[in-house]
């Protein structure tokens, strides 16, 4: 599967990865809150790491052992929520 624009396939080929940067911690946290609400609604939860103004994502379908269409759709939703 090709990674959505702006995302890259992990070195092991099992996940989609992307980092986002924001003005400050509050903006990064507000973004994560929007992502959390969406993830709950679609029952697909990303792995993420947040450090001050940066949020790093790793999307994979653990039950399928790698990247699926569900991960690509979540990546696209995260991109929309970042705008």
PDB file of N, CA and C in Angstrom:
ATOM      1  N   UNK A   1       0.847  -1.183   0.000  1.00  0.00           N
ATOM      2  CA  UNK A   1       0.000   0.000   0.000  1.00  0.00           C
ATOM      3  C   UNK A   1       0.893   1.247   0.000  1.00  0.00           C
ATOM      4  N   UNK A   2       0.534   2.227  -0.810  1.00  0.00           N
ATOM      5  CA  UNK A   2       1.253   3.487  -0.838  1.00  0.00           C
ATOM      6  C   UNK A   2       0.821   4.343   0.351  1.00  0.00           C
ATOM      7  N   UNK A   3       1.764   5.084   0.901  1.00  0.00           N
ATOM      8  CA  UNK A   3       1.459   5.976   2.012  1.00  0.00           C
ATOM      9  C   UNK A   3       0.729   7.206   1.484  1.00  0.00           C
ATOM     10  N   UNK A   4      -0.254   7.706   2.235  1.00  0.00           N
ATOM     11  CA  UNK A   4      -0.897   8.968   1.845  1.00  0.00           C
ATOM     12  C   UNK A   4       0.139  10.089   1.780  1.00  0.00           C
ATOM     13  N   UNK A   5      -0.146  11.109   0.998  1.00  0.00           N
ATOM     14  CA  UNK A   5       0.779  12.240   0.845  1.00  0.00           C
ATOM     15  C   UNK A   5       1.146  12.795   2.214  1.00  0.00           C
ATOM     16  N   UNK A   6       2.439  13.001   2.439  1.00  0.00           N
ATOM     17  CA  UNK A   6       2.933  13.547   3.698  1.00  0.00           C
ATOM     18  C   UNK A   6       3.293  12.483   4.725  1.00  0.00           C
ATOM     19  N   UNK A   7       2.858  11.262   4.503  1.00  0.00           N
ATOM     20  CA  UNK A   7       3.151  10.147   5.398  1.00  0.00           C
ATOM     21  C   UNK A   7       4.224   9.295   4.760  1.00  0.00           C
ATOM     22  N   UNK A   8       4.961   8.555   5.586  1.00  0.00           N
ATOM     23  CA  UNK A   8       5.958   7.632   5.040  1.00  0.00           C
ATOM     24  C   UNK A   8       5.724   6.249   5.640  1.00  0.00           C
ATOM     25  N   UNK A   9       6.129   5.268   4.891  1.00  0.00           N
ATOM     26  CA  UNK A   9       6.080   3.904   5.382  1.00  0.00           C
ATOM     27  C   UNK A   9       7.275   3.701   6.308  1.00  0.00           C
ATOM     28  N   UNK A  10       7.064   3.094   7.456  1.00  0.00           N
ATOM     29  CA  UNK A  10       8.144   2.859   8.411  1.00  0.00           C
ATOM     30  C   UNK A  10       9.223   1.976   7.788  1.00  0.00           C
ATOM     31  N   UNK A  11      10.391   1.981   8.380  1.00  0.00           N
ATOM     32  CA  UNK A  11      11.515   1.181   7.890  1.00  0.00           C
ATOM     33  C   UNK A  11      11.138  -0.295   7.799  1.00  0.00           C
ATOM     34  N   UNK A  12      10.383  -0.788   8.780  1.00  0.00           N
ATOM     35  CA  UNK A  12       9.987  -2.194   8.764  1.00  0.00           C
ATOM     36  C   UNK A  12       8.789  -2.473   7.850  1.00  0.00           C
ATOM     37  N   UNK A  13       8.212  -1.399   7.294  1.00  0.00           N
ATOM     38  CA  UNK A  13       7.090  -1.553   6.373  1.00  0.00           C
ATOM     39  C   UNK A  13       5.767  -1.867   7.027  1.00  0.00           C
ATOM     40  N   UNK A  14       5.702  -1.800   8.355  1.00  0.00           N
ATOM     41  CA  UNK A  14       4.497  -2.195   9.086  1.00  0.00           C
ATOM     42  C   UNK A  14       3.651  -1.042   9.606  1.00  0.00           C
ATOM     43  N   UNK A  15       4.026   0.204   9.284  1.00  0.00           N
ATOM     44  CA  UNK A  15       3.281   1.332   9.822  1.00  0.00           C
ATOM     45  C   UNK A  15       3.434   2.557   8.932  1.00  0.00           C
ATOM     46  N   UNK A  16       2.478   3.474   9.066  1.00  0.00           N
ATOM     47  CA  UNK A  16       2.567   4.793   8.464  1.00  0.00           C
ATOM     48  C   UNK A  16       3.054   5.742   9.544  1.00  0.00           C
ATOM     49  N   UNK A  17       3.949   6.661   9.190  1.00  0.00           N
ATOM     50  CA  UNK A  17       4.506   7.589  10.174  1.00  0.00           C
ATOM     51  C   UNK A  17       4.475   9.022   9.648  1.00  0.00           C
ATOM     52  N   UNK A  18       4.268   9.950  10.580  1.00  0.00           N
ATOM     53  CA  UNK A  18       4.305  11.368  10.241  1.00  0.00           C
ATOM     54  C   UNK A  18       4.450  12.183  11.519  1.00  0.00           C
ATOM     55  N   UNK A  19       5.111  13.326  11.383  1.00  0.00           N
ATOM     56  CA  UNK A  19       5.251  14.275  12.487  1.00  0.00           C
ATOM     57  C   UNK A  19       4.564  15.581  12.115  1.00  0.00           C
ATOM     58  N   UNK A  20       4.005  16.230  13.117  1.00  0.00           N
ATOM     59  CA  UNK A  20       3.385  17.546  12.958  1.00  0.00           C
ATOM     60  C   UNK A  20       4.011  18.489  13.970  1.00  0.00           C
ATOM     61  N   UNK A  21       4.159  19.743  13.582  1.00  0.00           N
ATOM     62  CA  UNK A  21       4.662  20.775  14.497  1.00  0.00           C
ATOM     63  C   UNK A  21       3.631  21.889  14.598  1.00  0.00           C
ATOM     64  N   UNK A  22       3.520  22.441  15.807  1.00  0.00           N
ATOM     65  CA  UNK A  22       2.554  23.488  16.078  1.00  0.00           C
ATOM     66  C   UNK A  22       3.250  24.667  16.741  1.00  0.00           C
ATOM     67  N   UNK A  23       2.498  25.746  16.929  1.00  0.00           N
ATOM     68  CA  UNK A  23       3.055  26.956  17.524  1.00  0.00           C
ATOM     69  C   UNK A  23       3.567  26.698  18.938  1.00  0.00           C
ATOM     70  N   UNK A  24       2.825  25.905  19.703  1.00  0.00           N
ATOM     71  CA  UNK A  24       3.191  25.672  21.094  1.00  0.00           C
ATOM     72  C   UNK A  24       2.522  24.397  21.607  1.00  0.00           C
ATOM     73  N   UNK A  25       2.728  24.125  22.874  1.00  0.00           N
ATOM     74  CA  UNK A  25       2.176  22.924  23.503  1.00  0.00           C
ATOM     75  C   UNK A  25       0.652  22.913  23.450  1.00  0.00           C
ATOM     76  N   UNK A  26       0.029  24.056  23.718  1.00  0.00           N
ATOM     77  CA  UNK A  26      -1.430  24.118  23.752  1.00  0.00           C
ATOM     78  C   UNK A  26      -2.039  23.749  22.404  1.00  0.00           C
ATOM     79  N   UNK A  27      -1.457  24.240  21.311  1.00  0.00           N
ATOM     80  CA  UNK A  27      -1.972  23.893  19.980  1.00  0.00           C
ATOM     81  C   UNK A  27      -1.779  22.407  19.685  1.00  0.00           C
ATOM     82  N   UNK A  28      -0.641  21.868  20.067  1.00  0.00           N
ATOM     83  CA  UNK A  28      -0.371  20.443  19.850  1.00  0.00           C
ATOM     84  C   UNK A  28      -1.374  19.608  20.650  1.00  0.00           C
ATOM     85  N   UNK A  29      -1.632  20.001  21.876  1.00  0.00           N
ATOM     86  CA  UNK A  29      -2.555  19.255  22.733  1.00  0.00           C
ATOM     87  C   UNK A  29      -3.987  19.343  22.206  1.00  0.00           C
ATOM     88  N   UNK A  30      -4.387  20.523  21.730  1.00  0.00           N
ATOM     89  CA  UNK A  30      -5.731  20.684  21.158  1.00  0.00           C
ATOM     90  C   UNK A  30      -5.894  19.781  19.935  1.00  0.00           C
ATOM     91  N   UNK A  31      -4.858  19.698  19.115  1.00  0.00           N
ATOM     92  CA  UNK A  31      -4.866  18.812  17.953  1.00  0.00           C
ATOM     93  C   UNK A  31      -5.031  17.358  18.398  1.00  0.00           C
ATOM     94  N   UNK A  32      -4.273  16.940  19.399  1.00  0.00           N
ATOM     95  CA  UNK A  32      -4.388  15.564  19.898  1.00  0.00           C
ATOM     96  C   UNK A  32      -5.788  15.276  20.434  1.00  0.00           C
ATOM     97  N   UNK A  33      -6.415  16.257  21.029  1.00  0.00           N
ATOM     98  CA  UNK A  33      -7.780  16.085  21.525  1.00  0.00           C
ATOM     99  C   UNK A  33      -8.737  15.834  20.364  1.00  0.00           C
ATOM    100  N   UNK A  34      -8.575  16.587  19.259  1.00  0.00           N
ATOM    101  CA  UNK A  34      -9.419  16.361  18.074  1.00  0.00           C
ATOM    102  C   UNK A  34      -9.183  14.962  17.508  1.00  0.00           C
ATOM    103  N   UNK A  35      -7.913  14.549  17.449  1.00  0.00           N
ATOM    104  CA  UNK A  35      -7.589  13.213  16.943  1.00  0.00           C
ATOM    105  C   UNK A  35      -8.194  12.146  17.848  1.00  0.00           C
ATOM    106  N   UNK A  36      -8.108  12.341  19.163  1.00  0.00           N
ATOM    107  CA  UNK A  36      -8.663  11.358  20.107  1.00  0.00           C
ATOM    108  C   UNK A  36     -10.164  11.187  19.916  1.00  0.00           C
ATOM    109  N   UNK A  37     -10.884  12.272  19.731  1.00  0.00           N
ATOM    110  CA  UNK A  37     -12.333  12.189  19.527  1.00  0.00           C
ATOM    111  C   UNK A  37     -12.653  11.420  18.246  1.00  0.00           C
ATOM    112  N   UNK A  38     -11.903  11.706  17.192  1.00  0.00           N
ATOM    113  CA  UNK A  38     -12.123  10.993  15.934  1.00  0.00           C
ATOM    114  C   UNK A  38     -11.775   9.513  16.083  1.00  0.00           C
ATOM    115  N   UNK A  39     -10.645   9.225  16.702  1.00  0.00           N
ATOM    116  CA  UNK A  39     -10.196   7.835  16.871  1.00  0.00           C
ATOM    117  C   UNK A  39     -11.219   7.023  17.651  1.00  0.00           C
ATOM    118  N   UNK A  40     -11.799   7.606  18.668  1.00  0.00           N
ATOM    119  CA  UNK A  40     -12.839   6.915  19.429  1.00  0.00           C
ATOM    120  C   UNK A  40     -14.053   6.639  18.555  1.00  0.00           C
ATOM    121  N   UNK A  41     -14.424   7.617  17.740  1.00  0.00           N
ATOM    122  CA  UNK A  41     -15.609   7.474  16.893  1.00  0.00           C
ATOM    123  C   UNK A  41     -15.445   6.356  15.865  1.00  0.00           C
ATOM    124  N   UNK A  42     -14.224   6.182  15.350  1.00  0.00           N
ATOM    125  CA  UNK A  42     -13.992   5.149  14.329  1.00  0.00           C
ATOM    126  C   UNK A  42     -13.377   3.886  14.919  1.00  0.00           C
ATOM    127  N   UNK A  43     -13.148   3.887  16.220  1.00  0.00           N
ATOM    128  CA  UNK A  43     -12.575   2.742  16.938  1.00  0.00           C
ATOM    129  C   UNK A  43     -11.261   2.256  16.309  1.00  0.00           C
ATOM    130  N   UNK A  44     -10.398   3.223  16.025  1.00  0.00           N
ATOM    131  CA  UNK A  44      -9.053   2.902  15.509  1.00  0.00           C
ATOM    132  C   UNK A  44      -8.105   3.923  16.122  1.00  0.00           C
ATOM    133  N   UNK A  45      -7.201   3.458  16.976  1.00  0.00           N
ATOM    134  CA  UNK A  45      -6.433   4.353  17.825  1.00  0.00           C
ATOM    135  C   UNK A  45      -4.965   4.391  17.421  1.00  0.00           C
ATOM    136  N   UNK A  46      -4.436   5.593  17.167  1.00  0.00           N
ATOM    137  CA  UNK A  46      -3.046   5.724  16.733  1.00  0.00           C
ATOM    138  C   UNK A  46      -2.071   5.618  17.889  1.00  0.00           C
ATOM    139  N   UNK A  47      -0.871   5.216  17.564  1.00  0.00           N
ATOM    140  CA  UNK A  47       0.252   5.356  18.494  1.00  0.00           C
ATOM    141  C   UNK A  47       0.781   6.772  18.270  1.00  0.00           C
ATOM    142  N   UNK A  48       1.099   7.475  19.355  1.00  0.00           N
ATOM    143  CA  UNK A  48       1.657   8.815  19.170  1.00  0.00           C
ATOM    144  C   UNK A  48       2.622   9.142  20.299  1.00  0.00           C
ATOM    145  N   UNK A  49       3.439  10.133  20.010  1.00  0.00           N
ATOM    146  CA  UNK A  49       4.384  10.677  20.985  1.00  0.00           C
ATOM    147  C   UNK A  49       4.284  12.182  20.868  1.00  0.00           C
ATOM    148  N   UNK A  50       4.159  12.864  21.976  1.00  0.00           N
ATOM    149  CA  UNK A  50       4.037  14.314  21.975  1.00  0.00           C
ATOM    150  C   UNK A  50       5.139  14.923  22.830  1.00  0.00           C
ATOM    151  N   UNK A  51       5.878  15.843  22.243  1.00  0.00           N
ATOM    152  CA  UNK A  51       6.920  16.583  22.953  1.00  0.00           C
ATOM    153  C   UNK A  51       6.748  18.059  22.614  1.00  0.00           C
ATOM    154  N   UNK A  52       6.348  18.824  23.577  1.00  0.00           N
ATOM    155  CA  UNK A  52       6.068  20.249  23.499  1.00  0.00           C
ATOM    156  C   UNK A  52       5.210  20.604  22.301  1.00  0.00           C
ATOM    157  N   UNK A  53       5.778  21.038  21.176  1.00  0.00           N
ATOM    158  CA  UNK A  53       4.970  21.474  20.031  1.00  0.00           C
ATOM    159  C   UNK A  53       4.939  20.451  18.891  1.00  0.00           C
ATOM    160  N   UNK A  54       5.472  19.267  19.121  1.00  0.00           N
ATOM    161  CA  UNK A  54       5.560  18.243  18.074  1.00  0.00           C
ATOM    162  C   UNK A  54       4.738  17.017  18.473  1.00  0.00           C
ATOM    163  N   UNK A  55       4.060  16.454  17.480  1.00  0.00           N
ATOM    164  CA  UNK A  55       3.318  15.215  17.679  1.00  0.00           C
ATOM    165  C   UNK A  55       3.746  14.247  16.580  1.00  0.00           C
ATOM    166  N   UNK A  56       4.212  13.071  16.976  1.00  0.00           N
ATOM    167  CA  UNK A  56       4.643  12.030  16.045  1.00  0.00           C
ATOM    168  C   UNK A  56       3.627  10.890  16.092  1.00  0.00           C
ATOM    169  N   UNK A  57       3.200  10.451  14.912  1.00  0.00           N
ATOM    170  CA  UNK A  57       2.239   9.355  14.819  1.00  0.00           C
ATOM    171  C   UNK A  57       2.850   8.125  14.174  1.00  0.00           C
ATOM    172  N   UNK A  58       2.340   6.981  14.581  1.00  0.00           N
ATOM    173  CA  UNK A  58       2.639   5.693  13.961  1.00  0.00           C
ATOM    174  C   UNK A  58       1.316   4.954  13.875  1.00  0.00           C
ATOM    175  N   UNK A  59       0.882   4.661  12.651  1.00  0.00           N
ATOM    176  CA  UNK A  59      -0.403   4.008  12.427  1.00  0.00           C
ATOM    177  C   UNK A  59      -0.175   2.610  11.887  1.00  0.00           C
ATOM    178  N   UNK A  60      -0.771   1.636  12.547  1.00  0.00           N
ATOM    179  CA  UNK A  60      -0.685   0.250  12.105  1.00  0.00           C
ATOM    180  C   UNK A  60      -1.909  -0.491  12.601  1.00  0.00           C
ATOM    181  N   UNK A  61      -2.269  -1.544  11.904  1.00  0.00           N
ATOM    182  CA  UNK A  61      -3.365  -2.406  12.345  1.00  0.00           C
ATOM    183  C   UNK A  61      -2.738  -3.645  12.957  1.00  0.00           C
ATOM    184  N   UNK A  62      -2.601  -3.638  14.271  1.00  0.00           N
ATOM    185  CA  UNK A  62      -1.919  -4.732  14.970  1.00  0.00           C
ATOM    186  C   UNK A  62      -2.556  -6.091  14.673  1.00  0.00           C
ATOM    187  N   UNK A  63      -3.885  -6.108  14.586  1.00  0.00           N
ATOM    188  CA  UNK A  63      -4.566  -7.379  14.348  1.00  0.00           C
ATOM    189  C   UNK A  63      -4.322  -7.935  12.944  1.00  0.00           C
ATOM    190  N   UNK A  64      -3.866  -7.080  12.026  1.00  0.00           N
ATOM    191  CA  UNK A  64      -3.578  -7.510  10.659  1.00  0.00           C
ATOM    192  C   UNK A  64      -2.071  -7.594  10.395  1.00  0.00           C
ATOM    193  N   UNK A  65      -1.270  -7.176  11.368  1.00  0.00           N
ATOM    194  CA  UNK A  65       0.178  -7.268  11.236  1.00  0.00           C
ATOM    195  C   UNK A  65       0.803  -6.245  10.313  1.00  0.00           C
ATOM    196  N   UNK A  66       0.152  -5.112  10.141  1.00  0.00           N
ATOM    197  CA  UNK A  66       0.734  -4.079   9.285  1.00  0.00           C
ATOM    198  C   UNK A  66      -0.273  -3.026   8.883  1.00  0.00           C
ATOM    199  N   UNK A  67       0.036  -2.339   7.799  1.00  0.00           N
ATOM    200  CA  UNK A  67      -0.773  -1.218   7.323  1.00  0.00           C
ATOM    201  C   UNK A  67      -1.958  -1.734   6.512  1.00  0.00           C
ATOM    202  N   UNK A  68      -3.122  -1.159   6.812  1.00  0.00           N
ATOM    203  CA  UNK A  68      -4.336  -1.493   6.068  1.00  0.00           C
ATOM    204  C   UNK A  68      -4.986  -0.203   5.572  1.00  0.00           C
ATOM    205  N   UNK A  69      -6.039  -0.379   4.809  1.00  0.00           N
ATOM    206  CA  UNK A  69      -6.815   0.767   4.322  1.00  0.00           C
ATOM    207  C   UNK A  69      -7.344   1.593   5.495  1.00  0.00           C
ATOM    208  N   UNK A  70      -7.623   0.946   6.593  1.00  0.00           N
ATOM    209  CA  UNK A  70      -8.105   1.641   7.793  1.00  0.00           C
ATOM    210  C   UNK A  70      -7.058   2.639   8.302  1.00  0.00           C
ATOM    211  N   UNK A  71      -5.793   2.267   8.230  1.00  0.00           N
ATOM    212  CA  UNK A  71      -4.721   3.180   8.642  1.00  0.00           C
ATOM    213  C   UNK A  71      -4.621   4.368   7.688  1.00  0.00           C
ATOM    214  N   UNK A  72      -4.749   4.100   6.389  1.00  0.00           N
ATOM    215  CA  UNK A  72      -4.699   5.178   5.397  1.00  0.00           C
ATOM    216  C   UNK A  72      -5.838   6.165   5.618  1.00  0.00           C
ATOM    217  N   UNK A  73      -7.028   5.654   5.930  1.00  0.00           N
ATOM    218  CA  UNK A  73      -8.169   6.540   6.195  1.00  0.00           C
ATOM    219  C   UNK A  73      -7.945   7.362   7.461  1.00  0.00           C
ATOM    220  N   UNK A  74      -7.362   6.751   8.488  1.00  0.00           N
ATOM    221  CA  UNK A  74      -7.067   7.493   9.709  1.00  0.00           C
ATOM    222  C   UNK A  74      -6.012   8.557   9.434  1.00  0.00           C
ATOM    223  N   UNK A  75      -5.011   8.240   8.632  1.00  0.00           N
ATOM    224  CA  UNK A  75      -3.981   9.224   8.270  1.00  0.00           C
ATOM    225  C   UNK A  75      -4.622  10.430   7.581  1.00  0.00           C
ATOM    226  N   UNK A  76      -5.522  10.173   6.652  1.00  0.00           N
ATOM    227  CA  UNK A  76      -6.193  11.267   5.954  1.00  0.00           C
ATOM    228  C   UNK A  76      -7.038  12.103   6.912  1.00  0.00           C
ATOM    229  N   UNK A  77      -7.700  11.465   7.857  1.00  0.00           N
ATOM    230  CA  UNK A  77      -8.489  12.197   8.848  1.00  0.00           C
ATOM    231  C   UNK A  77      -7.583  13.042   9.746  1.00  0.00           C
ATOM    232  N   UNK A  78      -6.447  12.500  10.148  1.00  0.00           N
ATOM    233  CA  UNK A  78      -5.501  13.253  10.970  1.00  0.00           C
ATOM    234  C   UNK A  78      -5.017  14.487  10.213  1.00  0.00           C
ATOM    235  N   UNK A  79      -4.739  14.324   8.923  1.00  0.00           N
ATOM    236  CA  UNK A  79      -4.325  15.472   8.114  1.00  0.00           C
ATOM    237  C   UNK A  79      -5.400  16.558   8.119  1.00  0.00           C
ATOM    238  N   UNK A  80      -6.652  16.159   7.956  1.00  0.00           N
ATOM    239  CA  UNK A  80      -7.746  17.144   7.975  1.00  0.00           C
ATOM    240  C   UNK A  80      -7.818  17.837   9.333  1.00  0.00           C
ATOM    241  N   UNK A  81      -7.654  17.078  10.402  1.00  0.00           N
ATOM    242  CA  UNK A  81      -7.740  17.646  11.751  1.00  0.00           C
ATOM    243  C   UNK A  81      -6.572  18.574  12.070  1.00  0.00           C
ATOM    244  N   UNK A  82      -5.474  18.415  11.365  1.00  0.00           N
ATOM    245  CA  UNK A  82      -4.291  19.258  11.593  1.00  0.00           C
ATOM    246  C   UNK A  82      -4.452  20.639  10.957  1.00  0.00           C
ATOM    247  N   UNK A  83      -5.370  20.757  10.026  1.00  0.00           N
ATOM    248  CA  UNK A  83      -5.549  22.044   9.323  1.00  0.00           C
ATOM    249  C   UNK A  83      -6.285  23.050  10.169  1.00  0.00           C
TER     250      UNK A  83
END
